Amino acid sequence: MGKKKEDSFLNDYQKIKNEMVFEKVDNILKDQPGNFRETLEEIGFEYYEEEDFEEKEENNAVPQNSNQKYLVSYFDGKKELSEKTLQIFDAERDAQHPNHPLIRKYFKKANKNLKALLLYGLDQRPTHVQLLYDLAYYHEFENILKELISRFTIACNKENNLLNFSEIAQEFYYATIPDGYDALYFLKELFPPHTKKGENIRLLITELTKENDTSGSITF
């Protein structure tokens, strides 16, 4: 019993101590937002800059095969955009062991040739789900909202397979809602309730509303 009581006292003490530290840190962050690092160090905290492992990976990434060398040459403006370029891009994306860091750094740089390649691919295959995902990922590094809305709208109009349509519509929503664009509301207006696509959109809205009812991120 004595040991349990001692442990309880120690736990209570540690809890109170932690609460005091948290309160002190919170006050420092509020009162000295521009000088918090030095002040925290004065009360015993040590500052460590977290290493960006993704950036390190990307900086060290090099082409590992002829396809990757071709893509790098294209991204760097040394190759022309062609069907061959698109085929190689598709092959590398879908490879068993893709060189993600190498390609990812061109997304993060918002490489204009990469963007041209994605749009070229969607010109030929407007409902290609992975290319739409790629374009949405590119949008995270360069605001191309108008183009993104246009391409997803075309895809939703052209895709007749309801499973694929639902996947595209859901990605449309998630890719554009951070910019304040409600794709599901738009699609609800575009496809009447008596159509298969209209029914699908309303079902998707119901499902996403249930998932997000606590956050209030979807309103209809």
N, C-alpha and C. Protein backbone atom coordinates (compact mmCIF):
# COMPACT_ATOMS: atom_id res chain seq x y z
N MET A 1 0.83 -1.20 0.00
CA MET A 1 0.00 0.00 0.00
C MET A 1 0.87 1.25 0.00
N GLY A 2 1.96 1.21 0.84
CA GLY A 2 2.83 2.37 0.94
C GLY A 2 3.43 2.74 -0.40
N LYS A 3 3.86 1.72 -1.16
CA LYS A 3 4.47 1.96 -2.46
C LYS A 3 3.46 2.57 -3.43
N LYS A 4 2.22 2.03 -3.44
CA LYS A 4 1.19 2.55 -4.33
C LYS A 4 0.87 4.01 -4.01
N LYS A 5 0.83 4.33 -2.68
CA LYS A 5 0.53 5.70 -2.28
C LYS A 5 1.65 6.64 -2.71
N GLU A 6 2.90 6.16 -2.56
CA GLU A 6 4.06 6.96 -2.97
C GLU A 6 4.02 7.22 -4.48
N ASP A 7 3.69 6.16 -5.25
CA ASP A 7 3.58 6.33 -6.70
C ASP A 7 2.51 7.33 -7.07
N SER A 8 1.39 7.29 -6.32
CA SER A 8 0.30 8.21 -6.58
C SER A 8 0.73 9.65 -6.35
N PHE A 9 1.47 9.87 -5.23
CA PHE A 9 1.96 11.22 -4.94
C PHE A 9 2.91 11.70 -6.04
N LEU A 10 3.79 10.79 -6.48
CA LEU A 10 4.75 11.16 -7.53
C LEU A 10 4.03 11.49 -8.84
N ASN A 11 3.02 10.69 -9.16
CA ASN A 11 2.25 10.94 -10.38
C ASN A 11 1.53 12.28 -10.32
N ASP A 12 0.93 12.57 -9.14
CA ASP A 12 0.23 13.85 -8.97
C ASP A 12 1.21 15.02 -9.08
N TYR A 13 2.39 14.84 -8.50
CA TYR A 13 3.41 15.89 -8.53
C TYR A 13 3.86 16.14 -9.98
N GLN A 14 4.10 15.04 -10.71
CA GLN A 14 4.55 15.18 -12.09
C GLN A 14 3.48 15.83 -12.95
N LYS A 15 2.22 15.47 -12.68
CA LYS A 15 1.12 16.05 -13.44
C LYS A 15 1.05 17.56 -13.21
N ILE A 16 1.16 17.98 -11.93
CA ILE A 16 1.11 19.40 -11.60
C ILE A 16 2.30 20.13 -12.23
N LYS A 17 3.47 19.51 -12.17
CA LYS A 17 4.68 20.11 -12.74
C LYS A 17 4.52 20.30 -14.25
N ASN A 18 3.99 19.26 -14.92
CA ASN A 18 3.79 19.35 -16.36
C ASN A 18 2.80 20.45 -16.73
N GLU A 19 1.73 20.56 -15.93
CA GLU A 19 0.73 21.59 -16.19
C GLU A 19 1.34 22.98 -16.05
N MET A 20 2.23 23.14 -15.07
CA MET A 20 2.89 24.43 -14.87
C MET A 20 3.82 24.76 -16.04
N VAL A 21 4.53 23.75 -16.50
CA VAL A 21 5.43 23.96 -17.64
C VAL A 21 4.63 24.31 -18.89
N PHE A 22 3.54 23.56 -19.13
CA PHE A 22 2.71 23.83 -20.31
C PHE A 22 2.15 25.25 -20.26
N GLU A 23 1.72 25.67 -19.06
CA GLU A 23 1.17 27.01 -18.91
C GLU A 23 2.23 28.07 -19.19
N LYS A 24 3.44 27.82 -18.69
CA LYS A 24 4.53 28.77 -18.90
C LYS A 24 4.89 28.87 -20.38
N VAL A 25 4.98 27.72 -21.04
CA VAL A 25 5.29 27.71 -22.47
C VAL A 25 4.20 28.42 -23.26
N ASP A 26 2.94 28.16 -22.91
CA ASP A 26 1.81 28.78 -23.61
C ASP A 26 1.87 30.29 -23.47
N ASN A 27 2.21 30.77 -22.27
CA ASN A 27 2.31 32.22 -22.04
C ASN A 27 3.44 32.84 -22.85
N ILE A 28 4.56 32.11 -22.94
CA ILE A 28 5.69 32.61 -23.72
C ILE A 28 5.33 32.73 -25.19
N LEU A 29 4.65 31.70 -25.72
CA LEU A 29 4.28 31.71 -27.14
C LEU A 29 3.29 32.84 -27.44
N LYS A 30 2.41 33.14 -26.47
CA LYS A 30 1.43 34.20 -26.67
C LYS A 30 2.05 35.59 -26.53
N ASP A 31 2.91 35.75 -25.50
CA ASP A 31 3.44 37.07 -25.17
C ASP A 31 4.67 37.46 -25.98
N GLN A 32 5.43 36.45 -26.44
CA GLN A 32 6.67 36.74 -27.16
C GLN A 32 6.76 35.92 -28.44
N PRO A 33 5.83 36.10 -29.35
CA PRO A 33 5.80 35.27 -30.56
C PRO A 33 7.05 35.41 -31.43
N GLY A 34 7.69 36.58 -31.39
CA GLY A 34 8.87 36.77 -32.22
C GLY A 34 10.17 36.38 -31.56
N ASN A 35 10.12 36.06 -30.27
CA ASN A 35 11.36 35.77 -29.54
C ASN A 35 11.21 34.54 -28.66
N PHE A 36 10.31 33.63 -29.04
CA PHE A 36 9.98 32.51 -28.16
C PHE A 36 11.13 31.53 -28.01
N ARG A 37 11.93 31.34 -29.07
CA ARG A 37 12.98 30.32 -29.02
C ARG A 37 14.00 30.63 -27.93
N GLU A 38 14.48 31.90 -27.91
CA GLU A 38 15.47 32.27 -26.90
C GLU A 38 14.90 32.18 -25.49
N THR A 39 13.66 32.61 -25.33
CA THR A 39 13.02 32.59 -24.01
C THR A 39 12.82 31.17 -23.51
N LEU A 40 12.41 30.25 -24.40
CA LEU A 40 12.25 28.85 -24.02
C LEU A 40 13.58 28.23 -23.62
N GLU A 41 14.66 28.62 -24.31
CA GLU A 41 15.98 28.11 -23.96
C GLU A 41 16.40 28.58 -22.58
N GLU A 42 15.97 29.80 -22.20
CA GLU A 42 16.30 30.33 -20.87
C GLU A 42 15.67 29.52 -19.74
N ILE A 43 14.53 28.86 -20.02
CA ILE A 43 13.90 28.07 -18.96
C ILE A 43 14.20 26.58 -19.10
N GLY A 44 15.21 26.27 -19.93
CA GLY A 44 15.70 24.89 -19.95
C GLY A 44 15.40 24.08 -21.18
N PHE A 45 14.66 24.63 -22.14
CA PHE A 45 14.37 23.89 -23.35
C PHE A 45 15.54 23.99 -24.33
N GLU A 46 15.75 22.92 -25.10
CA GLU A 46 16.76 22.94 -26.14
C GLU A 46 16.06 22.87 -27.48
N TYR A 47 16.55 23.69 -28.42
CA TYR A 47 15.90 23.76 -29.74
C TYR A 47 16.67 22.91 -30.74
N TYR A 48 15.93 22.05 -31.42
CA TYR A 48 16.51 21.23 -32.48
C TYR A 48 15.70 21.47 -33.74
N GLU A 49 16.36 21.79 -34.82
CA GLU A 49 15.66 21.96 -36.10
C GLU A 49 15.45 20.59 -36.71
N GLU A 50 14.18 20.25 -36.95
CA GLU A 50 13.86 18.94 -37.49
C GLU A 50 14.34 18.83 -38.94
N GLU A 51 15.01 17.77 -39.23
CA GLU A 51 15.55 17.57 -40.57
C GLU A 51 14.42 17.19 -41.52
N ASP A 52 14.42 17.82 -42.67
CA ASP A 52 13.43 17.51 -43.70
C ASP A 52 13.94 16.33 -44.50
N PHE A 53 13.49 15.12 -44.12
CA PHE A 53 13.99 13.91 -44.75
C PHE A 53 13.54 13.82 -46.21
N GLU A 54 12.32 14.29 -46.49
CA GLU A 54 11.84 14.27 -47.87
C GLU A 54 12.72 15.14 -48.75
N GLU A 55 13.04 16.33 -48.26
CA GLU A 55 13.88 17.24 -49.04
C GLU A 55 15.27 16.65 -49.25
N LYS A 56 15.79 16.02 -48.22
CA LYS A 56 17.11 15.38 -48.34
C LYS A 56 17.06 14.27 -49.38
N GLU A 57 15.98 13.47 -49.34
CA GLU A 57 15.78 12.40 -50.32
C GLU A 57 15.75 12.95 -51.74
N GLU A 58 15.01 14.04 -51.90
CA GLU A 58 14.84 14.63 -53.23
C GLU A 58 16.15 15.22 -53.74
N ASN A 59 16.91 15.87 -52.85
CA ASN A 59 18.18 16.45 -53.26
C ASN A 59 19.18 15.39 -53.69
N ASN A 60 19.07 14.21 -53.09
CA ASN A 60 20.00 13.12 -53.40
C ASN A 60 19.51 12.20 -54.52
N ALA A 61 18.27 12.41 -54.95
CA ALA A 61 17.69 11.51 -55.95
C ALA A 61 18.33 11.71 -57.31
N VAL A 62 18.65 10.62 -57.96
CA VAL A 62 19.21 10.64 -59.32
C VAL A 62 18.48 9.59 -60.16
N PRO A 63 18.46 9.77 -61.48
CA PRO A 63 17.83 8.76 -62.35
C PRO A 63 18.50 7.40 -62.20
N GLN A 64 17.68 6.37 -62.14
CA GLN A 64 18.20 5.02 -61.93
C GLN A 64 18.03 4.12 -63.15
N ASN A 65 17.39 4.63 -64.18
CA ASN A 65 17.25 3.85 -65.41
C ASN A 65 17.06 4.82 -66.58
N SER A 66 16.98 4.28 -67.78
CA SER A 66 16.90 5.12 -68.98
C SER A 66 15.59 5.92 -69.04
N ASN A 67 14.50 5.34 -68.55
CA ASN A 67 13.23 6.06 -68.53
C ASN A 67 13.31 7.30 -67.65
N GLN A 68 13.90 7.14 -66.48
CA GLN A 68 14.03 8.27 -65.56
C GLN A 68 14.96 9.34 -66.11
N LYS A 69 16.00 8.92 -66.80
CA LYS A 69 16.91 9.88 -67.43
C LYS A 69 16.17 10.67 -68.52
N TYR A 70 15.31 9.97 -69.24
CA TYR A 70 14.51 10.63 -70.29
C TYR A 70 13.58 11.68 -69.66
N LEU A 71 12.90 11.30 -68.58
CA LEU A 71 11.97 12.23 -67.93
C LEU A 71 12.68 13.45 -67.38
N VAL A 72 13.83 13.25 -66.77
CA VAL A 72 14.59 14.37 -66.23
C VAL A 72 15.00 15.32 -67.37
N SER A 73 15.41 14.75 -68.50
CA SER A 73 15.76 15.57 -69.66
C SER A 73 14.55 16.36 -70.14
N TYR A 74 13.38 15.71 -70.13
CA TYR A 74 12.17 16.42 -70.53
C TYR A 74 11.83 17.54 -69.55
N PHE A 75 11.86 17.23 -68.25
CA PHE A 75 11.54 18.25 -67.24
C PHE A 75 12.50 19.42 -67.32
N ASP A 76 13.74 19.15 -67.69
CA ASP A 76 14.76 20.20 -67.78
C ASP A 76 14.75 20.91 -69.13
N GLY A 77 13.78 20.58 -69.99
CA GLY A 77 13.63 21.27 -71.25
C GLY A 77 14.52 20.77 -72.37
N LYS A 78 15.06 19.58 -72.22
CA LYS A 78 15.98 19.05 -73.23
C LYS A 78 15.31 18.02 -74.15
N LYS A 79 14.07 17.69 -73.87
CA LYS A 79 13.29 16.77 -74.71
C LYS A 79 11.94 17.41 -75.02
N GLU A 80 11.39 17.05 -76.17
CA GLU A 80 10.09 17.57 -76.57
C GLU A 80 8.96 16.75 -75.94
N LEU A 81 7.84 17.39 -75.69
CA LEU A 81 6.65 16.69 -75.21
C LEU A 81 6.09 15.84 -76.34
N SER A 82 5.81 14.58 -76.03
CA SER A 82 5.31 13.66 -77.06
C SER A 82 4.56 12.52 -76.38
N GLU A 83 3.94 11.69 -77.19
CA GLU A 83 3.26 10.51 -76.66
C GLU A 83 4.26 9.60 -75.95
N LYS A 84 5.47 9.54 -76.47
CA LYS A 84 6.52 8.73 -75.83
C LYS A 84 6.78 9.23 -74.40
N THR A 85 6.83 10.53 -74.24
CA THR A 85 7.06 11.11 -72.91
C THR A 85 5.96 10.69 -71.94
N LEU A 86 4.72 10.75 -72.41
CA LEU A 86 3.58 10.37 -71.57
C LEU A 86 3.63 8.88 -71.22
N GLN A 87 3.97 8.06 -72.18
CA GLN A 87 4.07 6.62 -71.93
C GLN A 87 5.14 6.31 -70.90
N ILE A 88 6.27 6.99 -71.01
CA ILE A 88 7.35 6.77 -70.04
C ILE A 88 6.94 7.25 -68.66
N PHE A 89 6.26 8.39 -68.59
CA PHE A 89 5.79 8.92 -67.31
C PHE A 89 4.82 7.94 -66.65
N ASP A 90 3.88 7.41 -67.43
CA ASP A 90 2.92 6.43 -66.91
C ASP A 90 3.65 5.17 -66.42
N ALA A 91 4.61 4.72 -67.20
CA ALA A 91 5.35 3.50 -66.84
C ALA A 91 6.12 3.68 -65.55
N GLU A 92 6.74 4.83 -65.38
CA GLU A 92 7.53 5.07 -64.17
C GLU A 92 6.63 5.25 -62.95
N ARG A 93 5.50 5.92 -63.13
CA ARG A 93 4.57 6.09 -62.01
C ARG A 93 4.03 4.75 -61.52
N ASP A 94 3.76 3.86 -62.47
CA ASP A 94 3.15 2.58 -62.14
C ASP A 94 4.17 1.45 -61.98
N ALA A 95 5.44 1.81 -61.95
CA ALA A 95 6.49 0.79 -61.81
C ALA A 95 6.42 0.12 -60.44
N GLN A 96 6.97 -1.07 -60.35
CA GLN A 96 6.94 -1.81 -59.09
C GLN A 96 7.74 -1.08 -58.00
N HIS A 97 8.85 -0.47 -58.40
CA HIS A 97 9.67 0.29 -57.45
C HIS A 97 9.94 1.68 -58.03
N PRO A 98 8.94 2.56 -58.00
CA PRO A 98 9.12 3.89 -58.61
C PRO A 98 10.11 4.75 -57.81
N ASN A 99 10.75 5.64 -58.52
CA ASN A 99 11.70 6.56 -57.88
C ASN A 99 10.93 7.82 -57.44
N HIS A 100 10.17 7.68 -56.37
CA HIS A 100 9.30 8.77 -55.92
C HIS A 100 10.05 10.08 -55.65
N PRO A 101 11.17 10.05 -54.93
CA PRO A 101 11.84 11.32 -54.63
C PRO A 101 12.26 12.09 -55.88
N LEU A 102 12.68 11.37 -56.92
CA LEU A 102 13.13 12.03 -58.15
C LEU A 102 11.98 12.79 -58.81
N ILE A 103 10.83 12.14 -58.96
CA ILE A 103 9.69 12.77 -59.62
C ILE A 103 9.04 13.80 -58.71
N ARG A 104 8.99 13.48 -57.42
CA ARG A 104 8.31 14.38 -56.47
C ARG A 104 8.93 15.77 -56.44
N LYS A 105 10.25 15.85 -56.60
CA LYS A 105 10.87 17.17 -56.50
C LYS A 105 10.45 18.08 -57.66
N TYR A 106 10.07 17.48 -58.80
CA TYR A 106 9.59 18.31 -59.91
C TYR A 106 8.17 18.79 -59.66
N PHE A 107 7.37 18.00 -58.95
CA PHE A 107 6.07 18.50 -58.51
C PHE A 107 6.25 19.68 -57.56
N LYS A 108 7.14 19.53 -56.60
CA LYS A 108 7.33 20.57 -55.59
C LYS A 108 7.90 21.85 -56.18
N LYS A 109 8.63 21.71 -57.28
CA LYS A 109 9.15 22.90 -57.97
C LYS A 109 8.12 23.51 -58.90
N ALA A 110 6.94 22.87 -59.00
CA ALA A 110 5.90 23.29 -59.95
C ALA A 110 6.51 23.42 -61.34
N ASN A 111 7.20 22.37 -61.76
CA ASN A 111 7.88 22.37 -63.05
C ASN A 111 6.87 22.55 -64.19
N LYS A 112 7.09 23.56 -65.02
CA LYS A 112 6.12 23.89 -66.08
C LYS A 112 6.01 22.77 -67.12
N ASN A 113 7.10 22.04 -67.35
CA ASN A 113 7.04 20.95 -68.32
C ASN A 113 6.25 19.75 -67.77
N LEU A 114 6.35 19.54 -66.47
CA LEU A 114 5.53 18.50 -65.84
C LEU A 114 4.05 18.84 -65.96
N LYS A 115 3.72 20.10 -65.71
CA LYS A 115 2.33 20.53 -65.85
C LYS A 115 1.83 20.32 -67.28
N ALA A 116 2.66 20.69 -68.24
CA ALA A 116 2.28 20.52 -69.65
C ALA A 116 2.06 19.05 -69.97
N LEU A 117 2.86 18.18 -69.39
CA LEU A 117 2.71 16.74 -69.61
C LEU A 117 1.39 16.22 -69.06
N LEU A 118 1.03 16.67 -67.85
CA LEU A 118 -0.22 16.23 -67.24
C LEU A 118 -1.43 16.70 -68.06
N LEU A 119 -1.39 17.94 -68.52
CA LEU A 119 -2.50 18.46 -69.32
C LEU A 119 -2.56 17.78 -70.68
N TYR A 120 -1.42 17.49 -71.25
CA TYR A 120 -1.35 16.76 -72.51
C TYR A 120 -2.00 15.38 -72.35
N GLY A 121 -1.67 14.71 -71.27
CA GLY A 121 -2.26 13.39 -71.01
C GLY A 121 -3.77 13.46 -70.84
N LEU A 122 -4.24 14.49 -70.14
CA LEU A 122 -5.68 14.62 -69.91
C LEU A 122 -6.42 15.07 -71.17
N ASP A 123 -5.72 15.74 -72.08
CA ASP A 123 -6.34 16.06 -73.37
C ASP A 123 -6.72 14.78 -74.10
N GLN A 124 -5.87 13.77 -73.98
CA GLN A 124 -6.11 12.51 -74.68
C GLN A 124 -6.97 11.54 -73.88
N ARG A 125 -6.80 11.58 -72.55
CA ARG A 125 -7.55 10.66 -71.69
C ARG A 125 -8.17 11.46 -70.53
N PRO A 126 -9.22 12.18 -70.80
CA PRO A 126 -9.76 13.12 -69.81
C PRO A 126 -10.30 12.48 -68.54
N THR A 127 -10.58 11.17 -68.58
CA THR A 127 -11.11 10.52 -67.38
C THR A 127 -10.06 9.67 -66.67
N HIS A 128 -8.80 9.82 -67.04
CA HIS A 128 -7.72 9.03 -66.44
C HIS A 128 -7.55 9.45 -64.98
N VAL A 129 -7.94 8.57 -64.07
CA VAL A 129 -8.00 8.93 -62.64
C VAL A 129 -6.62 9.31 -62.10
N GLN A 130 -5.59 8.55 -62.45
CA GLN A 130 -4.28 8.83 -61.88
C GLN A 130 -3.72 10.17 -62.37
N LEU A 131 -3.98 10.51 -63.62
CA LEU A 131 -3.54 11.81 -64.12
C LEU A 131 -4.27 12.95 -63.40
N LEU A 132 -5.54 12.74 -63.09
CA LEU A 132 -6.29 13.73 -62.32
C LEU A 132 -5.72 13.87 -60.92
N TYR A 133 -5.36 12.74 -60.30
CA TYR A 133 -4.70 12.79 -58.99
C TYR A 133 -3.39 13.56 -59.08
N ASP A 134 -2.63 13.29 -60.15
CA ASP A 134 -1.35 13.97 -60.34
C ASP A 134 -1.55 15.48 -60.48
N LEU A 135 -2.57 15.87 -61.22
CA LEU A 135 -2.85 17.30 -61.40
C LEU A 135 -3.25 17.94 -60.08
N ALA A 136 -4.04 17.20 -59.28
CA ALA A 136 -4.44 17.71 -57.97
C ALA A 136 -3.22 17.88 -57.06
N TYR A 137 -2.28 16.94 -57.15
CA TYR A 137 -1.05 17.04 -56.36
C TYR A 137 -0.22 18.23 -56.82
N TYR A 138 -0.14 18.44 -58.12
CA TYR A 138 0.59 19.60 -58.67
C TYR A 138 -0.02 20.90 -58.13
N HIS A 139 -1.33 20.93 -58.00
CA HIS A 139 -2.04 22.12 -57.52
C HIS A 139 -1.60 22.53 -56.11
N GLU A 140 -1.09 21.58 -55.35
CA GLU A 140 -0.62 21.89 -54.00
C GLU A 140 0.60 22.81 -54.03
N PHE A 141 1.29 22.88 -55.15
CA PHE A 141 2.53 23.66 -55.24
C PHE A 141 2.42 24.85 -56.19
N GLU A 142 1.40 24.87 -57.01
CA GLU A 142 1.09 26.04 -57.85
C GLU A 142 -0.42 26.11 -57.98
N ASN A 143 -0.98 27.25 -57.67
CA ASN A 143 -2.44 27.38 -57.70
C ASN A 143 -2.93 27.37 -59.16
N ILE A 144 -3.54 26.25 -59.53
CA ILE A 144 -4.12 26.12 -60.87
C ILE A 144 -5.60 25.74 -60.73
N LEU A 145 -6.27 26.39 -59.78
CA LEU A 145 -7.64 26.02 -59.43
C LEU A 145 -8.57 26.03 -60.64
N LYS A 146 -8.48 27.06 -61.47
CA LYS A 146 -9.37 27.16 -62.63
C LYS A 146 -9.19 25.97 -63.55
N GLU A 147 -7.93 25.61 -63.82
CA GLU A 147 -7.64 24.47 -64.68
C GLU A 147 -8.08 23.16 -64.03
N LEU A 148 -7.88 23.06 -62.72
CA LEU A 148 -8.25 21.85 -61.99
C LEU A 148 -9.77 21.63 -62.05
N ILE A 149 -10.53 22.69 -61.82
CA ILE A 149 -11.99 22.60 -61.89
C ILE A 149 -12.43 22.19 -63.29
N SER A 150 -11.82 22.79 -64.29
CA SER A 150 -12.17 22.48 -65.67
C SER A 150 -11.92 21.02 -66.00
N ARG A 151 -10.75 20.51 -65.63
CA ARG A 151 -10.40 19.13 -65.97
C ARG A 151 -11.25 18.12 -65.22
N PHE A 152 -11.54 18.39 -63.96
CA PHE A 152 -12.39 17.46 -63.20
C PHE A 152 -13.83 17.51 -63.70
N THR A 153 -14.29 18.68 -64.11
CA THR A 153 -15.65 18.79 -64.64
C THR A 153 -15.78 18.00 -65.94
N ILE A 154 -14.81 18.14 -66.82
CA ILE A 154 -14.80 17.36 -68.06
C ILE A 154 -14.82 15.86 -67.76
N ALA A 155 -13.97 15.45 -66.80
CA ALA A 155 -13.91 14.04 -66.44
C ALA A 155 -15.25 13.53 -65.92
N CYS A 156 -15.89 14.32 -65.06
CA CYS A 156 -17.18 13.90 -64.51
C CYS A 156 -18.25 13.80 -65.60
N ASN A 157 -18.19 14.68 -66.57
CA ASN A 157 -19.16 14.63 -67.68
C ASN A 157 -18.94 13.42 -68.58
N LYS A 158 -17.68 13.07 -68.78
CA LYS A 158 -17.35 12.02 -69.74
C LYS A 158 -17.35 10.61 -69.14
N GLU A 159 -17.08 10.48 -67.84
CA GLU A 159 -16.98 9.15 -67.22
C GLU A 159 -18.37 8.54 -67.02
N ASN A 160 -18.59 7.37 -67.62
CA ASN A 160 -19.90 6.71 -67.51
C ASN A 160 -19.90 5.54 -66.54
N ASN A 161 -18.72 5.05 -66.18
CA ASN A 161 -18.64 4.02 -65.16
C ASN A 161 -18.87 4.68 -63.79
N LEU A 162 -19.93 4.27 -63.10
CA LEU A 162 -20.32 4.97 -61.87
C LEU A 162 -19.30 4.83 -60.75
N LEU A 163 -18.60 3.70 -60.69
CA LEU A 163 -17.56 3.55 -59.67
C LEU A 163 -16.42 4.54 -59.92
N ASN A 164 -15.99 4.63 -61.16
CA ASN A 164 -14.94 5.59 -61.51
C ASN A 164 -15.43 7.02 -61.33
N PHE A 165 -16.68 7.26 -61.73
CA PHE A 165 -17.28 8.59 -61.57
C PHE A 165 -17.26 9.01 -60.10
N SER A 166 -17.65 8.11 -59.21
CA SER A 166 -17.68 8.41 -57.78
C SER A 166 -16.28 8.73 -57.26
N GLU A 167 -15.29 7.97 -57.74
CA GLU A 167 -13.91 8.20 -57.31
C GLU A 167 -13.43 9.58 -57.77
N ILE A 168 -13.74 9.91 -59.01
CA ILE A 168 -13.32 11.21 -59.56
C ILE A 168 -14.02 12.35 -58.82
N ALA A 169 -15.33 12.20 -58.57
CA ALA A 169 -16.10 13.24 -57.88
C ALA A 169 -15.56 13.47 -56.47
N GLN A 170 -15.23 12.38 -55.78
CA GLN A 170 -14.72 12.51 -54.42
C GLN A 170 -13.36 13.21 -54.42
N GLU A 171 -12.49 12.84 -55.35
CA GLU A 171 -11.18 13.49 -55.44
C GLU A 171 -11.35 14.97 -55.83
N PHE A 172 -12.31 15.27 -56.69
CA PHE A 172 -12.64 16.64 -57.08
C PHE A 172 -12.95 17.46 -55.83
N TYR A 173 -13.76 16.88 -54.97
CA TYR A 173 -14.12 17.58 -53.73
C TYR A 173 -12.90 17.84 -52.85
N TYR A 174 -12.14 16.78 -52.57
CA TYR A 174 -11.00 16.91 -51.66
C TYR A 174 -9.90 17.80 -52.24
N ALA A 175 -9.76 17.83 -53.56
CA ALA A 175 -8.69 18.62 -54.18
C ALA A 175 -9.00 20.11 -54.19
N THR A 176 -10.27 20.47 -54.14
CA THR A 176 -10.63 21.88 -54.30
C THR A 176 -11.25 22.53 -53.06
N ILE A 177 -11.70 21.73 -52.09
CA ILE A 177 -12.34 22.31 -50.91
C ILE A 177 -11.40 23.20 -50.09
N PRO A 178 -10.07 22.91 -50.05
CA PRO A 178 -9.19 23.82 -49.32
C PRO A 178 -9.17 25.24 -49.91
N ASP A 179 -9.54 25.35 -51.20
CA ASP A 179 -9.59 26.66 -51.85
C ASP A 179 -10.98 27.30 -51.73
N GLY A 180 -11.87 26.64 -51.00
CA GLY A 180 -13.20 27.20 -50.80
C GLY A 180 -14.19 26.86 -51.90
N TYR A 181 -13.81 25.94 -52.78
CA TYR A 181 -14.71 25.54 -53.87
C TYR A 181 -15.39 24.23 -53.50
N ASP A 182 -16.72 24.26 -53.49
CA ASP A 182 -17.50 23.07 -53.10
C ASP A 182 -17.89 22.29 -54.35
N ALA A 183 -17.04 21.34 -54.73
CA ALA A 183 -17.26 20.58 -55.96
C ALA A 183 -18.53 19.75 -55.91
N LEU A 184 -18.86 19.21 -54.75
CA LEU A 184 -20.05 18.36 -54.66
C LEU A 184 -21.32 19.19 -54.85
N TYR A 185 -21.32 20.40 -54.33
CA TYR A 185 -22.48 21.27 -54.55
C TYR A 185 -22.61 21.58 -56.04
N PHE A 186 -21.48 21.86 -56.69
CA PHE A 186 -21.48 22.14 -58.12
C PHE A 186 -22.00 20.93 -58.91
N LEU A 187 -21.50 19.73 -58.55
CA LEU A 187 -21.93 18.52 -59.27
C LEU A 187 -23.39 18.20 -59.00
N LYS A 188 -23.86 18.53 -57.81
CA LYS A 188 -25.28 18.32 -57.48
C LYS A 188 -26.16 19.16 -58.40
N GLU A 189 -25.70 20.38 -58.69
CA GLU A 189 -26.45 21.25 -59.60
C GLU A 189 -26.30 20.80 -61.05
N LEU A 190 -25.15 20.21 -61.38
CA LEU A 190 -24.88 19.80 -62.76
C LEU A 190 -25.66 18.57 -63.17
N PHE A 191 -25.81 17.62 -62.23
CA PHE A 191 -26.48 16.36 -62.55
C PHE A 191 -27.80 16.26 -61.77
N PRO A 192 -28.92 16.29 -62.46
CA PRO A 192 -30.25 16.25 -61.81
C PRO A 192 -30.44 14.97 -60.99
N PRO A 193 -31.33 15.00 -60.00
CA PRO A 193 -31.51 13.85 -59.11
C PRO A 193 -32.05 12.59 -59.79
N HIS A 194 -32.73 12.73 -60.94
CA HIS A 194 -33.30 11.56 -61.60
C HIS A 194 -32.28 10.82 -62.46
N THR A 195 -31.05 11.36 -62.56
CA THR A 195 -30.01 10.69 -63.35
C THR A 195 -29.16 9.80 -62.44
N LYS A 196 -28.48 8.83 -63.05
CA LYS A 196 -27.61 7.93 -62.28
C LYS A 196 -26.48 8.72 -61.61
N LYS A 197 -25.89 9.64 -62.34
CA LYS A 197 -24.82 10.44 -61.77
C LYS A 197 -25.34 11.35 -60.66
N GLY A 198 -26.55 11.89 -60.86
CA GLY A 198 -27.16 12.72 -59.83
C GLY A 198 -27.42 11.94 -58.56
N GLU A 199 -27.93 10.72 -58.70
CA GLU A 199 -28.16 9.86 -57.54
C GLU A 199 -26.85 9.55 -56.83
N ASN A 200 -25.83 9.29 -57.64
CA ASN A 200 -24.52 8.96 -57.10
C ASN A 200 -23.94 10.12 -56.29
N ILE A 201 -24.06 11.32 -56.82
CA ILE A 201 -23.55 12.51 -56.13
C ILE A 201 -24.28 12.72 -54.81
N ARG A 202 -25.59 12.56 -54.80
CA ARG A 202 -26.36 12.76 -53.58
C ARG A 202 -26.03 11.71 -52.52
N LEU A 203 -25.77 10.49 -52.98
CA LEU A 203 -25.34 9.44 -52.06
C LEU A 203 -23.97 9.78 -51.48
N LEU A 204 -23.07 10.28 -52.33
CA LEU A 204 -21.73 10.66 -51.88
C LEU A 204 -21.79 11.80 -50.88
N ILE A 205 -22.66 12.76 -51.14
CA ILE A 205 -22.84 13.88 -50.21
C ILE A 205 -23.31 13.37 -48.85
N THR A 206 -24.26 12.44 -48.85
CA THR A 206 -24.77 11.87 -47.60
C THR A 206 -23.65 11.17 -46.83
N GLU A 207 -22.85 10.39 -47.54
CA GLU A 207 -21.77 9.64 -46.89
C GLU A 207 -20.72 10.59 -46.32
N LEU A 208 -20.32 11.59 -47.10
CA LEU A 208 -19.30 12.53 -46.63
C LEU A 208 -19.82 13.42 -45.51
N THR A 209 -21.10 13.73 -45.55
CA THR A 209 -21.69 14.53 -44.47
C THR A 209 -21.64 13.77 -43.15
N LYS A 210 -21.92 12.47 -43.20
CA LYS A 210 -21.85 11.65 -41.99
C LYS A 210 -20.43 11.61 -41.43
N GLU A 211 -19.44 11.55 -42.35
CA GLU A 211 -18.04 11.49 -41.93
C GLU A 211 -17.57 12.82 -41.35
N ASN A 212 -18.17 13.91 -41.81
CA ASN A 212 -17.68 15.24 -41.44
C ASN A 212 -18.66 16.05 -40.60
N ASP A 213 -19.68 15.37 -40.04
CA ASP A 213 -20.72 16.11 -39.34
C ASP A 213 -20.21 16.84 -38.11
N THR A 214 -19.10 16.38 -37.53
CA THR A 214 -18.55 17.07 -36.35
C THR A 214 -17.75 18.30 -36.72
N SER A 215 -17.15 18.29 -37.94
CA SER A 215 -16.32 19.42 -38.34
C SER A 215 -17.11 20.49 -39.08
N GLY A 216 -18.27 20.11 -39.60
CA GLY A 216 -19.09 21.08 -40.32
C GLY A 216 -18.48 21.52 -41.63
N SER A 217 -17.62 20.68 -42.24
CA SER A 217 -16.91 21.08 -43.44
C SER A 217 -17.75 20.94 -44.70
N ILE A 218 -18.87 20.25 -44.61
CA ILE A 218 -19.75 20.13 -45.77
C ILE A 218 -21.12 20.69 -45.40
N THR A 219 -21.62 21.63 -46.16
CA THR A 219 -22.94 22.20 -45.88
C THR A 219 -23.73 22.23 -47.16
N PHE A 220 -24.96 21.75 -47.06
CA PHE A 220 -25.85 21.76 -48.22
C PHE A 220 -27.23 22.22 -47.79
